[in-house]
């Protein structure tokens, strides 16, 4: 099951997103601030992060920059209630996967999540018996038969 971290200082938006994600078979976790999100990333290792740009204290852009170091493989989808072209470009330059405006278009969000998951799945090595045997032999220094 895909772990998704939802970071938004607005509890209602965070809860709606988490309910949507749960209903679609994901395992969502919520954070109400940048520091809380950065702490959670270390323990849950989410594949995807939905990150609000405008948060008090630490902005989503600051969190994104830190996430690139803390969880470089996580796909970050920025969320904003403010149509700011420059912020969107900055987020994409920092490695954000996508930028979605509030109010959220849940069909678009679902397509974006599915598209990213397909690319995540294709990037992961297949978990075949041969791959497991090769991994086990490389750890032990023995060759598999």
Protein backbone atom coordinates (compact mmCIF):
# COMPACT_ATOMS: atom_id res chain seq x y z
CA UNK A 1 0.00 0.00 0.00
CA UNK A 2 1.34 3.42 -0.96
CA UNK A 3 2.11 5.75 1.93
CA UNK A 4 1.16 9.37 1.28
CA UNK A 5 1.91 12.28 3.59
CA UNK A 6 -0.60 15.14 3.50
CA UNK A 7 0.85 18.42 4.80
CA UNK A 8 -1.61 21.27 5.23
CA UNK A 9 -2.16 23.68 8.12
CA UNK A 10 -5.91 23.70 7.40
CA UNK A 11 -7.36 20.72 9.27
CA UNK A 12 -10.48 20.51 7.07
CA UNK A 13 -8.44 20.23 3.87
CA UNK A 14 -6.04 17.74 5.43
CA UNK A 15 -8.95 15.57 6.62
CA UNK A 16 -10.78 15.67 3.26
CA UNK A 17 -7.58 14.70 1.44
CA UNK A 18 -6.85 11.88 3.87
CA UNK A 19 -10.40 10.54 3.53
CA UNK A 20 -10.15 10.70 -0.28
CA UNK A 21 -6.82 8.85 -0.20
CA UNK A 22 -8.12 6.19 2.19
CA UNK A 23 -11.17 5.64 -0.02
CA UNK A 24 -8.82 5.08 -2.97
CA UNK A 25 -6.68 2.48 -1.23
CA UNK A 26 -3.77 4.61 -0.05
CA UNK A 27 -2.34 4.86 3.46
CA UNK A 28 -2.39 8.59 4.29
CA UNK A 29 -0.65 10.32 7.17
CA UNK A 30 -1.25 13.93 8.12
CA UNK A 31 0.95 16.78 9.27
CA UNK A 32 -0.18 20.31 10.11
CA UNK A 33 3.21 22.01 9.74
CA UNK A 34 6.52 21.79 7.96
CA UNK A 35 8.51 20.70 11.01
CA UNK A 36 5.95 17.98 11.80
CA UNK A 37 6.11 16.77 8.18
CA UNK A 38 9.90 16.60 8.21
CA UNK A 39 9.78 14.60 11.42
CA UNK A 40 7.18 12.17 10.03
CA UNK A 41 9.09 11.64 6.79
CA UNK A 42 11.89 10.01 8.76
CA UNK A 43 9.59 7.37 10.24
CA UNK A 44 6.99 6.65 7.55
CA UNK A 45 9.11 7.17 4.38
CA UNK A 46 6.19 8.21 2.14
CA UNK A 47 6.35 7.60 -1.59
CA UNK A 48 4.23 10.72 -2.22
CA UNK A 49 3.84 13.99 -0.31
CA UNK A 50 0.93 16.40 -0.85
CA UNK A 51 2.34 19.70 0.39
CA UNK A 52 0.57 23.03 0.91
CA UNK A 53 2.66 26.02 -0.13
CA UNK A 54 1.25 28.66 2.22
CA UNK A 55 1.76 27.57 5.82
CA UNK A 56 2.70 29.64 8.85
CA UNK A 57 6.22 29.30 10.18
CA UNK A 58 7.86 27.16 7.53
CA UNK A 59 6.51 27.58 4.00
CA UNK A 60 5.87 24.68 1.67
CA UNK A 61 8.78 25.85 -0.49
CA UNK A 62 11.12 25.60 2.52
CA UNK A 63 9.73 22.15 3.35
CA UNK A 64 10.17 21.05 -0.27
CA UNK A 65 13.82 22.08 -0.25
CA UNK A 66 14.41 20.08 2.95
CA UNK A 67 12.44 17.10 1.63
CA UNK A 68 14.75 16.88 -1.38
CA UNK A 69 17.54 16.12 1.14
CA UNK A 70 15.55 14.07 3.69
CA UNK A 71 13.46 12.00 1.25
CA UNK A 72 14.85 12.50 -2.25
CA UNK A 73 12.78 9.70 -3.80
CA UNK A 74 9.44 11.02 -2.53
CA UNK A 75 7.26 12.60 -5.20
CA UNK A 76 6.06 15.97 -3.93
CA UNK A 77 2.81 17.42 -5.25
CA UNK A 78 2.43 21.06 -4.24
CA UNK A 79 -1.01 22.42 -3.33
CA UNK A 80 -1.87 26.11 -3.32
CA UNK A 81 -4.90 28.30 -2.83
CA UNK A 82 -3.06 31.19 -4.41
CA UNK A 83 -2.49 31.31 -8.16
CA UNK A 84 1.17 32.30 -8.17
CA UNK A 85 3.00 31.36 -11.36
CA UNK A 86 6.43 32.24 -9.91
CA UNK A 87 5.89 30.02 -6.83
CA UNK A 88 4.76 27.16 -9.04
CA UNK A 89 7.89 27.49 -11.17
CA UNK A 90 10.10 27.67 -8.08
CA UNK A 91 8.46 24.51 -6.68
CA UNK A 92 8.98 22.67 -9.96
CA UNK A 93 12.61 23.89 -10.10
CA UNK A 94 13.12 22.45 -6.61
CA UNK A 95 11.89 19.06 -7.80
CA UNK A 96 8.14 19.09 -7.19
CA UNK A 97 6.33 16.55 -9.34
CA UNK A 98 3.22 18.69 -9.89
CA UNK A 99 1.40 21.79 -8.69
CA UNK A 100 -2.35 21.68 -7.97
CA UNK A 101 -4.62 24.66 -7.21
CA UNK A 102 -7.27 24.81 -4.49
CA UNK A 103 -10.14 24.17 -4.60
CA UNK A 104 -8.87 20.73 -5.47
CA UNK A 105 -9.99 18.90 -8.57
CA UNK A 106 -10.07 15.36 -7.17
CA UNK A 107 -10.23 13.74 -10.61
CA UNK A 108 -7.04 15.54 -11.58
CA UNK A 109 -5.43 14.59 -8.27
CA UNK A 110 -6.34 10.95 -8.80
CA UNK A 111 -4.86 10.94 -12.32
CA UNK A 112 -1.70 12.63 -11.05
CA UNK A 113 -1.31 10.08 -8.25
CA UNK A 114 -1.86 7.17 -10.64
CA UNK A 115 0.63 8.57 -13.15
CA UNK A 116 3.29 8.96 -10.47
CA UNK A 117 2.63 5.54 -9.01
CA UNK A 118 3.07 3.96 -12.43
CA UNK A 119 6.48 5.63 -12.73
CA UNK A 120 7.36 4.59 -9.16
CA UNK A 121 6.36 1.00 -9.88
CA UNK A 122 8.37 0.86 -13.09
CA UNK A 123 11.43 2.23 -11.27
CA UNK A 124 11.29 -0.41 -8.52
CA UNK A 125 13.15 -3.66 -9.16
CA UNK A 126 10.95 -6.69 -9.64
CA UNK A 127 10.67 -8.83 -6.54
CA UNK A 128 11.16 -12.15 -8.27
CA UNK A 129 12.58 -15.26 -6.62
CA UNK A 130 15.75 -14.89 -8.69
CA UNK A 131 16.18 -11.27 -7.56
CA UNK A 132 15.70 -12.28 -3.91
CA UNK A 133 18.22 -15.13 -4.30
CA UNK A 134 20.75 -12.79 -5.90
CA UNK A 135 20.26 -10.24 -3.13
CA UNK A 136 20.63 -12.91 -0.45
CA UNK A 137 23.80 -14.29 -2.04
CA UNK A 138 25.34 -10.83 -2.34
CA UNK A 139 24.67 -10.20 1.36
CA UNK A 140 26.17 -13.53 2.41
CA UNK A 141 28.90 -13.70 -0.20
CA UNK A 142 27.55 -17.04 -1.47
CA UNK A 143 26.40 -17.75 -4.96
CA UNK A 144 22.88 -19.00 -5.55
CA UNK A 145 22.43 -22.30 -7.37
